[in-house]
Protein backbone atom coordinates (compact mmCIF):
# COMPACT_ATOMS: atom_id res chain seq x y z
CA UNK A 1 0.00 0.00 0.00
CA UNK A 2 2.78 2.42 0.94
CA UNK A 3 4.52 1.62 -2.33
CA UNK A 4 1.35 2.44 -4.33
CA UNK A 5 0.94 5.77 -2.50
CA UNK A 6 4.60 6.60 -3.15
CA UNK A 7 4.20 5.81 -6.86
CA UNK A 8 1.02 7.90 -7.12
CA UNK A 9 2.74 10.80 -5.36
CA UNK A 10 5.74 10.53 -7.66
CA UNK A 11 3.50 10.42 -10.75
CA UNK A 12 1.54 13.48 -9.60
CA UNK A 13 4.58 15.56 -8.72
CA UNK A 14 6.29 14.62 -11.97
CA UNK A 15 3.22 15.67 -13.98
CA UNK A 16 2.84 18.91 -12.03
CA UNK A 17 6.55 19.69 -12.38
CA UNK A 18 6.39 19.17 -16.13
CA UNK A 19 3.58 21.73 -16.38
CA UNK A 20 4.97 24.24 -13.91
CA UNK A 21 6.17 27.75 -14.75
CA UNK A 22 7.79 30.88 -13.36
CA UNK A 23 7.10 34.44 -14.46
CA UNK A 24 7.91 38.08 -13.95
CA UNK A 25 6.05 41.23 -15.00
CA UNK A 26 6.32 44.98 -14.63
CA UNK A 27 3.89 47.81 -15.14
CA UNK A 28 1.85 50.37 -13.26
CA UNK A 29 -0.18 50.30 -10.06
CA UNK A 30 -3.21 52.60 -9.87
CA UNK A 31 -4.89 53.70 -6.63
CA UNK A 32 -6.92 56.61 -5.27
CA UNK A 33 -5.34 57.81 -2.02
CA UNK A 34 -8.16 60.26 -1.32
CA UNK A 35 -6.18 63.47 -1.88
CA UNK A 36 -9.31 65.54 -2.55
CA UNK A 37 -10.88 64.54 0.77
CA UNK A 38 -7.62 65.17 2.62
CA UNK A 39 -7.31 68.62 1.06
CA UNK A 40 -10.86 69.47 2.13
CA UNK A 41 -10.18 68.30 5.68
CA UNK A 42 -7.03 70.44 5.85
CA UNK A 43 -8.94 73.42 4.43
CA UNK A 44 -11.63 73.03 7.08
CA UNK A 45 -9.02 72.88 9.86
CA UNK A 46 -6.97 75.81 8.54
CA UNK A 47 -9.95 77.93 7.55
CA UNK A 48 -8.42 78.70 4.17
CA UNK A 49 -8.03 77.24 0.70
CA UNK A 50 -5.62 74.32 0.31
CA UNK A 51 -4.12 73.52 -3.09
CA UNK A 52 -3.00 69.98 -3.84
CA UNK A 53 -1.33 67.74 -6.42
CA UNK A 54 -1.46 63.96 -6.46
CA UNK A 55 -0.28 60.95 -8.44
CA UNK A 56 -2.70 58.41 -9.83
CA UNK A 57 -0.16 55.65 -10.54
CA UNK A 58 3.31 54.35 -9.73
CA UNK A 59 5.63 51.60 -10.94
CA UNK A 60 4.68 48.05 -9.94
CA UNK A 61 6.07 44.57 -10.37
CA UNK A 62 5.18 40.95 -9.71
CA UNK A 63 6.99 37.60 -9.64
CA UNK A 64 5.08 34.33 -9.58
CA UNK A 65 5.15 30.56 -9.87
CA UNK A 66 2.37 28.27 -11.01
CA UNK A 67 1.39 24.81 -12.08
CA UNK A 68 -1.37 23.24 -14.16
CA UNK A 69 -4.00 21.12 -12.45
CA UNK A 70 -5.78 20.33 -15.72
CA UNK A 71 -5.46 21.45 -19.33
CA UNK A 72 -7.55 24.60 -18.66
CA UNK A 73 -6.93 25.14 -14.93
CA UNK A 74 -3.84 26.45 -13.13
CA UNK A 75 -2.97 27.59 -9.63
CA UNK A 76 -0.53 30.41 -9.09
CA UNK A 77 1.27 32.09 -6.17
CA UNK A 78 3.11 35.38 -6.39
CA UNK A 79 4.59 38.44 -4.72
CA UNK A 80 3.79 42.01 -5.83
CA UNK A 81 5.16 45.40 -4.89
CA UNK A 82 4.64 49.03 -5.92
CA UNK A 83 6.51 52.30 -5.67
CA UNK A 84 5.16 55.31 -3.77
CA UNK A 85 1.99 57.14 -4.79
CA UNK A 86 2.34 60.68 -3.42
CA UNK A 87 0.22 63.76 -2.79
CA UNK A 88 1.31 67.25 -1.72
CA UNK A 89 -0.76 70.00 -0.10
CA UNK A 90 0.02 73.67 0.39
CA UNK A 91 -1.54 76.72 1.97
CA UNK A 92 -0.27 80.05 3.31
CA UNK A 93 2.66 79.30 5.63
CA UNK A 94 2.35 75.51 5.59
CA UNK A 95 2.73 72.47 3.35
CA UNK A 96 2.18 68.73 3.74
CA UNK A 97 3.11 65.57 1.87
CA UNK A 98 1.96 61.95 2.04
CA UNK A 99 2.90 58.78 0.18
CA UNK A 100 1.85 55.14 0.17
CA UNK A 101 3.37 51.93 -1.20
CA UNK A 102 1.93 48.41 -1.29
CA UNK A 103 3.45 44.93 -1.19
CA UNK A 104 1.99 41.50 -0.62
CA UNK A 105 1.50 37.88 -1.52
CA UNK A 106 -1.27 36.48 -3.71
CA UNK A 107 -2.76 33.09 -4.48
CA UNK A 108 -5.14 32.54 -7.38
CA UNK A 109 -6.82 30.04 -9.62
CA UNK A 110 -6.55 30.65 -13.35
CA UNK A 111 -8.87 29.52 -16.11
CA UNK A 112 -7.32 29.58 -19.59
CA UNK A 113 -8.97 27.57 -22.36
CA UNK A 114 -6.45 25.65 -24.46
CA UNK A 115 -7.93 27.13 -27.64
CA UNK A 116 -7.89 30.78 -26.48
CA UNK A 117 -5.13 33.27 -25.61
CA UNK A 118 -7.32 34.89 -22.95
CA UNK A 119 -7.29 33.96 -19.27
CA UNK A 120 -9.30 34.80 -16.15
CA UNK A 121 -7.98 34.73 -12.59
CA UNK A 122 -9.56 34.99 -9.15
CA UNK A 123 -8.12 34.54 -5.69
CA UNK A 124 -7.01 36.36 -2.58
CA UNK A 125 -4.09 38.41 -1.30
CA UNK A 126 -2.40 39.32 1.95
CA UNK A 127 -0.97 42.81 1.56
CA UNK A 128 0.67 45.59 3.52
CA UNK A 129 0.40 49.36 3.01
CA UNK A 130 3.31 51.52 4.15
CA UNK A 131 2.47 55.19 4.53
CA UNK A 132 4.62 58.20 5.32
CA UNK A 133 3.77 61.85 5.74
CA UNK A 134 5.23 65.17 6.74
CA UNK A 135 3.99 68.67 7.46
CA UNK A 136 6.05 71.86 7.39
CA UNK A 137 4.93 74.88 9.40
CA UNK A 138 7.04 78.02 9.75
CA UNK A 139 10.20 76.26 8.59
CA UNK A 140 9.81 73.28 10.95
CA UNK A 141 8.98 69.85 9.54
CA UNK A 142 7.18 67.09 11.41
CA UNK A 143 7.14 63.53 10.03
CA UNK A 144 5.14 60.39 10.76
CA UNK A 145 4.68 56.92 9.29
CA UNK A 146 1.98 54.28 9.36
CA UNK A 147 1.52 50.66 8.36
CA UNK A 148 -1.51 48.42 7.91
CA UNK A 149 -1.98 44.88 6.67
CA UNK A 150 -4.84 42.56 5.86
CA UNK A 151 -6.52 40.27 3.36
CA UNK A 152 -8.74 40.82 0.36
CA UNK A 153 -9.81 39.24 -2.91
CA UNK A 154 -8.45 39.74 -6.41
CA UNK A 155 -9.78 39.26 -9.94
CA UNK A 156 -8.03 39.71 -13.24
CA UNK A 157 -8.02 39.30 -17.01
CA UNK A 158 -5.04 38.55 -19.21
CA UNK A 159 -3.73 37.66 -22.64
CA UNK A 160 -1.00 35.08 -23.23
CA UNK A 161 0.84 34.13 -26.41
CA UNK A 162 3.89 32.06 -27.29
CA UNK A 163 7.21 33.88 -27.49
CA UNK A 164 9.60 30.97 -27.99
CA UNK A 165 10.19 27.38 -26.90
CA UNK A 166 8.26 27.01 -23.64
CA UNK A 167 8.40 30.81 -23.23
CA UNK A 168 5.31 33.02 -23.34
CA UNK A 169 4.60 36.73 -23.07
CA UNK A 170 1.64 37.82 -21.02
CA UNK A 171 -0.20 41.06 -20.35
CA UNK A 172 -3.09 41.68 -18.01
CA UNK A 173 -4.94 43.72 -15.44
CA UNK A 174 -5.64 42.67 -11.84
CA UNK A 175 -7.94 44.34 -9.32
CA UNK A 176 -7.08 44.01 -5.59
CA UNK A 177 -9.75 44.98 -3.07
CA UNK A 178 -9.09 45.97 0.57
CA UNK A 179 -5.39 46.64 0.11
CA UNK A 180 -3.66 46.35 3.47
CA UNK A 181 -6.98 45.56 5.10
CA UNK A 182 -8.23 49.10 4.37
CA UNK A 183 -11.24 50.25 2.35
CA UNK A 184 -8.94 51.20 -0.52
CA UNK A 185 -8.41 49.15 -3.67
CA UNK A 186 -5.65 49.04 -6.27
CA UNK A 187 -5.33 47.95 -9.89
CA UNK A 188 -2.13 46.58 -11.42
CA UNK A 189 -1.58 46.63 -15.17
CA UNK A 190 1.50 44.79 -16.40
CA UNK A 191 3.34 42.93 -19.11
CA UNK A 192 5.93 40.20 -18.69
CA UNK A 193 7.19 36.77 -19.60
CA UNK A 194 6.74 33.28 -18.19
CA UNK A 195 8.79 30.15 -18.71
CA UNK A 196 7.24 26.70 -18.57
CA UNK A 197 9.30 23.66 -17.56
C-alpha atoms as a PDB file:
ATOM      1  CA  UNK A   1       0.000   0.000   0.000  1.00  0.00           C
ATOM      2  CA  UNK A   2       2.778   2.417   0.944  1.00  0.00           C
ATOM      3  CA  UNK A   3       4.523   1.619  -2.333  1.00  0.00           C
ATOM      4  CA  UNK A   4       1.351   2.444  -4.329  1.00  0.00           C
ATOM      5  CA  UNK A   5       0.937   5.768  -2.505  1.00  0.00           C
ATOM      6  CA  UNK A   6       4.599   6.604  -3.145  1.00  0.00           C
ATOM      7  CA  UNK A   7       4.205   5.809  -6.865  1.00  0.00           C
ATOM      8  CA  UNK A   8       1.022   7.902  -7.123  1.00  0.00           C
ATOM      9  CA  UNK A   9       2.736  10.802  -5.359  1.00  0.00           C
ATOM     10  CA  UNK A  10       5.737  10.530  -7.662  1.00  0.00           C
ATOM     11  CA  UNK A  11       3.502  10.417 -10.746  1.00  0.00           C
ATOM     12  CA  UNK A  12       1.539  13.478  -9.600  1.00  0.00           C
ATOM     13  CA  UNK A  13       4.585  15.560  -8.722  1.00  0.00           C
ATOM     14  CA  UNK A  14       6.293  14.621 -11.970  1.00  0.00           C
ATOM     15  CA  UNK A  15       3.223  15.666 -13.978  1.00  0.00           C
ATOM     16  CA  UNK A  16       2.842  18.905 -12.032  1.00  0.00           C
ATOM     17  CA  UNK A  17       6.546  19.686 -12.381  1.00  0.00           C
ATOM     18  CA  UNK A  18       6.395  19.165 -16.130  1.00  0.00           C
ATOM     19  CA  UNK A  19       3.576  21.727 -16.384  1.00  0.00           C
ATOM     20  CA  UNK A  20       4.967  24.243 -13.912  1.00  0.00           C
ATOM     21  CA  UNK A  21       6.165  27.749 -14.754  1.00  0.00           C
ATOM     22  CA  UNK A  22       7.785  30.881 -13.363  1.00  0.00           C
ATOM     23  CA  UNK A  23       7.095  34.436 -14.455  1.00  0.00           C
ATOM     24  CA  UNK A  24       7.909  38.083 -13.948  1.00  0.00           C
ATOM     25  CA  UNK A  25       6.051  41.228 -14.996  1.00  0.00           C
ATOM     26  CA  UNK A  26       6.319  44.982 -14.631  1.00  0.00           C
ATOM     27  CA  UNK A  27       3.890  47.809 -15.144  1.00  0.00           C
ATOM     28  CA  UNK A  28       1.851  50.371 -13.261  1.00  0.00           C
ATOM     29  CA  UNK A  29      -0.181  50.299 -10.063  1.00  0.00           C
ATOM     30  CA  UNK A  30      -3.209  52.605  -9.871  1.00  0.00           C
ATOM     31  CA  UNK A  31      -4.887  53.697  -6.626  1.00  0.00           C
ATOM     32  CA  UNK A  32      -6.923  56.606  -5.273  1.00  0.00           C
ATOM     33  CA  UNK A  33      -5.340  57.814  -2.020  1.00  0.00           C
ATOM     34  CA  UNK A  34      -8.160  60.263  -1.316  1.00  0.00           C
ATOM     35  CA  UNK A  35      -6.177  63.473  -1.878  1.00  0.00           C
ATOM     36  CA  UNK A  36      -9.306  65.539  -2.554  1.00  0.00           C
ATOM     37  CA  UNK A  37     -10.880  64.545   0.766  1.00  0.00           C
ATOM     38  CA  UNK A  38      -7.619  65.172   2.623  1.00  0.00           C
ATOM     39  CA  UNK A  39      -7.310  68.622   1.057  1.00  0.00           C
ATOM     40  CA  UNK A  40     -10.860  69.472   2.128  1.00  0.00           C
ATOM     41  CA  UNK A  41     -10.182  68.296   5.685  1.00  0.00           C
ATOM     42  CA  UNK A  42      -7.033  70.439   5.851  1.00  0.00           C
ATOM     43  CA  UNK A  43      -8.939  73.419   4.431  1.00  0.00           C
ATOM     44  CA  UNK A  44     -11.634  73.030   7.084  1.00  0.00           C
ATOM     45  CA  UNK A  45      -9.016  72.881   9.855  1.00  0.00           C
ATOM     46  CA  UNK A  46      -6.971  75.806   8.542  1.00  0.00           C
ATOM     47  CA  UNK A  47      -9.952  77.934   7.551  1.00  0.00           C
ATOM     48  CA  UNK A  48      -8.425  78.704   4.173  1.00  0.00           C
ATOM     49  CA  UNK A  49      -8.025  77.238   0.702  1.00  0.00           C
ATOM     50  CA  UNK A  50      -5.623  74.320   0.310  1.00  0.00           C
ATOM     51  CA  UNK A  51      -4.125  73.519  -3.085  1.00  0.00           C
ATOM     52  CA  UNK A  52      -3.001  69.983  -3.843  1.00  0.00           C
ATOM     53  CA  UNK A  53      -1.334  67.742  -6.423  1.00  0.00           C
ATOM     54  CA  UNK A  54      -1.460  63.956  -6.464  1.00  0.00           C
ATOM     55  CA  UNK A  55      -0.284  60.952  -8.438  1.00  0.00           C
ATOM     56  CA  UNK A  56      -2.700  58.415  -9.831  1.00  0.00           C
ATOM     57  CA  UNK A  57      -0.159  55.654 -10.538  1.00  0.00           C
ATOM     58  CA  UNK A  58       3.307  54.354  -9.731  1.00  0.00           C
ATOM     59  CA  UNK A  59       5.628  51.602 -10.937  1.00  0.00           C
ATOM     60  CA  UNK A  60       4.680  48.050  -9.943  1.00  0.00           C
ATOM     61  CA  UNK A  61       6.069  44.567 -10.367  1.00  0.00           C
ATOM     62  CA  UNK A  62       5.180  40.955  -9.714  1.00  0.00           C
ATOM     63  CA  UNK A  63       6.994  37.597  -9.640  1.00  0.00           C
ATOM     64  CA  UNK A  64       5.083  34.331  -9.581  1.00  0.00           C
ATOM     65  CA  UNK A  65       5.151  30.557  -9.873  1.00  0.00           C
ATOM     66  CA  UNK A  66       2.374  28.266 -11.009  1.00  0.00           C
ATOM     67  CA  UNK A  67       1.391  24.808 -12.082  1.00  0.00           C
ATOM     68  CA  UNK A  68      -1.368  23.240 -14.162  1.00  0.00           C
ATOM     69  CA  UNK A  69      -4.001  21.120 -12.447  1.00  0.00           C
ATOM     70  CA  UNK A  70      -5.785  20.327 -15.717  1.00  0.00           C
ATOM     71  CA  UNK A  71      -5.458  21.453 -19.328  1.00  0.00           C
ATOM     72  CA  UNK A  72      -7.551  24.601 -18.658  1.00  0.00           C
ATOM     73  CA  UNK A  73      -6.929  25.142 -14.931  1.00  0.00           C
ATOM     74  CA  UNK A  74      -3.843  26.454 -13.128  1.00  0.00           C
ATOM     75  CA  UNK A  75      -2.966  27.590  -9.626  1.00  0.00           C
ATOM     76  CA  UNK A  76      -0.532  30.413  -9.087  1.00  0.00           C
ATOM     77  CA  UNK A  77       1.271  32.088  -6.166  1.00  0.00           C
ATOM     78  CA  UNK A  78       3.112  35.382  -6.394  1.00  0.00           C
ATOM     79  CA  UNK A  79       4.589  38.445  -4.720  1.00  0.00           C
ATOM     80  CA  UNK A  80       3.795  42.007  -5.831  1.00  0.00           C
ATOM     81  CA  UNK A  81       5.165  45.403  -4.892  1.00  0.00           C
ATOM     82  CA  UNK A  82       4.643  49.035  -5.917  1.00  0.00           C
ATOM     83  CA  UNK A  83       6.510  52.297  -5.666  1.00  0.00           C
ATOM     84  CA  UNK A  84       5.161  55.314  -3.772  1.00  0.00           C
ATOM     85  CA  UNK A  85       1.990  57.138  -4.787  1.00  0.00           C
ATOM     86  CA  UNK A  86       2.336  60.678  -3.417  1.00  0.00           C
ATOM     87  CA  UNK A  87       0.223  63.764  -2.787  1.00  0.00           C
ATOM     88  CA  UNK A  88       1.308  67.249  -1.719  1.00  0.00           C
ATOM     89  CA  UNK A  89      -0.757  70.000  -0.102  1.00  0.00           C
ATOM     90  CA  UNK A  90       0.017  73.673   0.393  1.00  0.00           C
ATOM     91  CA  UNK A  91      -1.536  76.724   1.970  1.00  0.00           C
ATOM     92  CA  UNK A  92      -0.265  80.049   3.311  1.00  0.00           C
ATOM     93  CA  UNK A  93       2.656  79.299   5.635  1.00  0.00           C
ATOM     94  CA  UNK A  94       2.351  75.511   5.588  1.00  0.00           C
ATOM     95  CA  UNK A  95       2.729  72.474   3.349  1.00  0.00           C
ATOM     96  CA  UNK A  96       2.184  68.732   3.736  1.00  0.00           C
ATOM     97  CA  UNK A  97       3.108  65.574   1.869  1.00  0.00           C
ATOM     98  CA  UNK A  98       1.958  61.954   2.036  1.00  0.00           C
ATOM     99  CA  UNK A  99       2.905  58.785   0.179  1.00  0.00           C
ATOM    100  CA  UNK A 100       1.855  55.135   0.169  1.00  0.00           C
ATOM    101  CA  UNK A 101       3.368  51.927  -1.199  1.00  0.00           C
ATOM    102  CA  UNK A 102       1.926  48.406  -1.287  1.00  0.00           C
ATOM    103  CA  UNK A 103       3.446  44.935  -1.186  1.00  0.00           C
ATOM    104  CA  UNK A 104       1.985  41.500  -0.624  1.00  0.00           C
ATOM    105  CA  UNK A 105       1.499  37.878  -1.515  1.00  0.00           C
ATOM    106  CA  UNK A 106      -1.266  36.481  -3.707  1.00  0.00           C
ATOM    107  CA  UNK A 107      -2.759  33.092  -4.480  1.00  0.00           C
ATOM    108  CA  UNK A 108      -5.140  32.536  -7.378  1.00  0.00           C
ATOM    109  CA  UNK A 109      -6.823  30.037  -9.621  1.00  0.00           C
ATOM    110  CA  UNK A 110      -6.553  30.645 -13.352  1.00  0.00           C
ATOM    111  CA  UNK A 111      -8.865  29.523 -16.113  1.00  0.00           C
ATOM    112  CA  UNK A 112      -7.316  29.579 -19.590  1.00  0.00           C
ATOM    113  CA  UNK A 113      -8.969  27.572 -22.362  1.00  0.00           C
ATOM    114  CA  UNK A 114      -6.455  25.649 -24.459  1.00  0.00           C
ATOM    115  CA  UNK A 115      -7.928  27.129 -27.643  1.00  0.00           C
ATOM    116  CA  UNK A 116      -7.891  30.779 -26.482  1.00  0.00           C
ATOM    117  CA  UNK A 117      -5.133  33.266 -25.615  1.00  0.00           C
ATOM    118  CA  UNK A 118      -7.322  34.891 -22.945  1.00  0.00           C
ATOM    119  CA  UNK A 119      -7.292  33.961 -19.266  1.00  0.00           C
ATOM    120  CA  UNK A 120      -9.303  34.797 -16.154  1.00  0.00           C
ATOM    121  CA  UNK A 121      -7.977  34.728 -12.593  1.00  0.00           C
ATOM    122  CA  UNK A 122      -9.557  34.987  -9.155  1.00  0.00           C
ATOM    123  CA  UNK A 123      -8.123  34.536  -5.692  1.00  0.00           C
ATOM    124  CA  UNK A 124      -7.010  36.356  -2.581  1.00  0.00           C
ATOM    125  CA  UNK A 125      -4.092  38.410  -1.304  1.00  0.00           C
ATOM    126  CA  UNK A 126      -2.402  39.317   1.948  1.00  0.00           C
ATOM    127  CA  UNK A 127      -0.971  42.806   1.563  1.00  0.00           C
ATOM    128  CA  UNK A 128       0.667  45.592   3.515  1.00  0.00           C
ATOM    129  CA  UNK A 129       0.401  49.358   3.008  1.00  0.00           C
ATOM    130  CA  UNK A 130       3.306  51.522   4.148  1.00  0.00           C
ATOM    131  CA  UNK A 131       2.470  55.190   4.533  1.00  0.00           C
ATOM    132  CA  UNK A 132       4.619  58.203   5.324  1.00  0.00           C
ATOM    133  CA  UNK A 133       3.765  61.849   5.738  1.00  0.00           C
ATOM    134  CA  UNK A 134       5.226  65.166   6.743  1.00  0.00           C
ATOM    135  CA  UNK A 135       3.992  68.669   7.457  1.00  0.00           C
ATOM    136  CA  UNK A 136       6.054  71.857   7.388  1.00  0.00           C
ATOM    137  CA  UNK A 137       4.935  74.879   9.400  1.00  0.00           C
ATOM    138  CA  UNK A 138       7.038  78.015   9.750  1.00  0.00           C
ATOM    139  CA  UNK A 139      10.196  76.261   8.587  1.00  0.00           C
ATOM    140  CA  UNK A 140       9.815  73.282  10.949  1.00  0.00           C
ATOM    141  CA  UNK A 141       8.984  69.854   9.536  1.00  0.00           C
ATOM    142  CA  UNK A 142       7.185  67.087  11.407  1.00  0.00           C
ATOM    143  CA  UNK A 143       7.140  63.526  10.032  1.00  0.00           C
ATOM    144  CA  UNK A 144       5.141  60.395  10.757  1.00  0.00           C
ATOM    145  CA  UNK A 145       4.682  56.920   9.289  1.00  0.00           C
ATOM    146  CA  UNK A 146       1.980  54.282   9.357  1.00  0.00           C
ATOM    147  CA  UNK A 147       1.523  50.656   8.357  1.00  0.00           C
ATOM    148  CA  UNK A 148      -1.508  48.423   7.909  1.00  0.00           C
ATOM    149  CA  UNK A 149      -1.975  44.875   6.675  1.00  0.00           C
ATOM    150  CA  UNK A 150      -4.841  42.557   5.862  1.00  0.00           C
ATOM    151  CA  UNK A 151      -6.517  40.273   3.359  1.00  0.00           C
ATOM    152  CA  UNK A 152      -8.741  40.817   0.357  1.00  0.00           C
ATOM    153  CA  UNK A 153      -9.812  39.235  -2.913  1.00  0.00           C
ATOM    154  CA  UNK A 154      -8.448  39.737  -6.411  1.00  0.00           C
ATOM    155  CA  UNK A 155      -9.779  39.260  -9.937  1.00  0.00           C
ATOM    156  CA  UNK A 156      -8.027  39.707 -13.243  1.00  0.00           C
ATOM    157  CA  UNK A 157      -8.018  39.299 -17.005  1.00  0.00           C
ATOM    158  CA  UNK A 158      -5.042  38.555 -19.205  1.00  0.00           C
ATOM    159  CA  UNK A 159      -3.731  37.656 -22.636  1.00  0.00           C
ATOM    160  CA  UNK A 160      -1.000  35.083 -23.230  1.00  0.00           C
ATOM    161  CA  UNK A 161       0.842  34.129 -26.409  1.00  0.00           C
ATOM    162  CA  UNK A 162       3.888  32.058 -27.286  1.00  0.00           C
ATOM    163  CA  UNK A 163       7.213  33.881 -27.490  1.00  0.00           C
ATOM    164  CA  UNK A 164       9.597  30.969 -27.990  1.00  0.00           C
ATOM    165  CA  UNK A 165      10.192  27.383 -26.902  1.00  0.00           C
ATOM    166  CA  UNK A 166       8.257  27.014 -23.636  1.00  0.00           C
ATOM    167  CA  UNK A 167       8.402  30.814 -23.232  1.00  0.00           C
ATOM    168  CA  UNK A 168       5.309  33.017 -23.338  1.00  0.00           C
ATOM    169  CA  UNK A 169       4.603  36.729 -23.068  1.00  0.00           C
ATOM    170  CA  UNK A 170       1.645  37.823 -21.024  1.00  0.00           C
ATOM    171  CA  UNK A 171      -0.195  41.057 -20.350  1.00  0.00           C
ATOM    172  CA  UNK A 172      -3.093  41.677 -18.014  1.00  0.00           C
ATOM    173  CA  UNK A 173      -4.940  43.720 -15.438  1.00  0.00           C
ATOM    174  CA  UNK A 174      -5.641  42.673 -11.837  1.00  0.00           C
ATOM    175  CA  UNK A 175      -7.936  44.344  -9.319  1.00  0.00           C
ATOM    176  CA  UNK A 176      -7.080  44.009  -5.595  1.00  0.00           C
ATOM    177  CA  UNK A 177      -9.746  44.982  -3.067  1.00  0.00           C
ATOM    178  CA  UNK A 178      -9.092  45.974   0.574  1.00  0.00           C
ATOM    179  CA  UNK A 179      -5.391  46.642   0.114  1.00  0.00           C
ATOM    180  CA  UNK A 180      -3.655  46.353   3.470  1.00  0.00           C
ATOM    181  CA  UNK A 181      -6.984  45.559   5.096  1.00  0.00           C
ATOM    182  CA  UNK A 182      -8.227  49.101   4.371  1.00  0.00           C
ATOM    183  CA  UNK A 183     -11.238  50.245   2.354  1.00  0.00           C
ATOM    184  CA  UNK A 184      -8.945  51.202  -0.521  1.00  0.00           C
ATOM    185  CA  UNK A 185      -8.405  49.146  -3.666  1.00  0.00           C
ATOM    186  CA  UNK A 186      -5.652  49.038  -6.272  1.00  0.00           C
ATOM    187  CA  UNK A 187      -5.326  47.952  -9.885  1.00  0.00           C
ATOM    188  CA  UNK A 188      -2.128  46.575 -11.421  1.00  0.00           C
ATOM    189  CA  UNK A 189      -1.575  46.633 -15.172  1.00  0.00           C
ATOM    190  CA  UNK A 190       1.495  44.788 -16.400  1.00  0.00           C
ATOM    191  CA  UNK A 191       3.339  42.933 -19.106  1.00  0.00           C
ATOM    192  CA  UNK A 192       5.928  40.201 -18.693  1.00  0.00           C
ATOM    193  CA  UNK A 193       7.192  36.771 -19.604  1.00  0.00           C
ATOM    194  CA  UNK A 194       6.738  33.281 -18.195  1.00  0.00           C
ATOM    195  CA  UNK A 195       8.787  30.151 -18.713  1.00  0.00           C
ATOM    196  CA  UNK A 196       7.241  26.697 -18.575  1.00  0.00           C
ATOM    197  CA  UNK A 197       9.295  23.660 -17.558  1.00  0.00           C
END
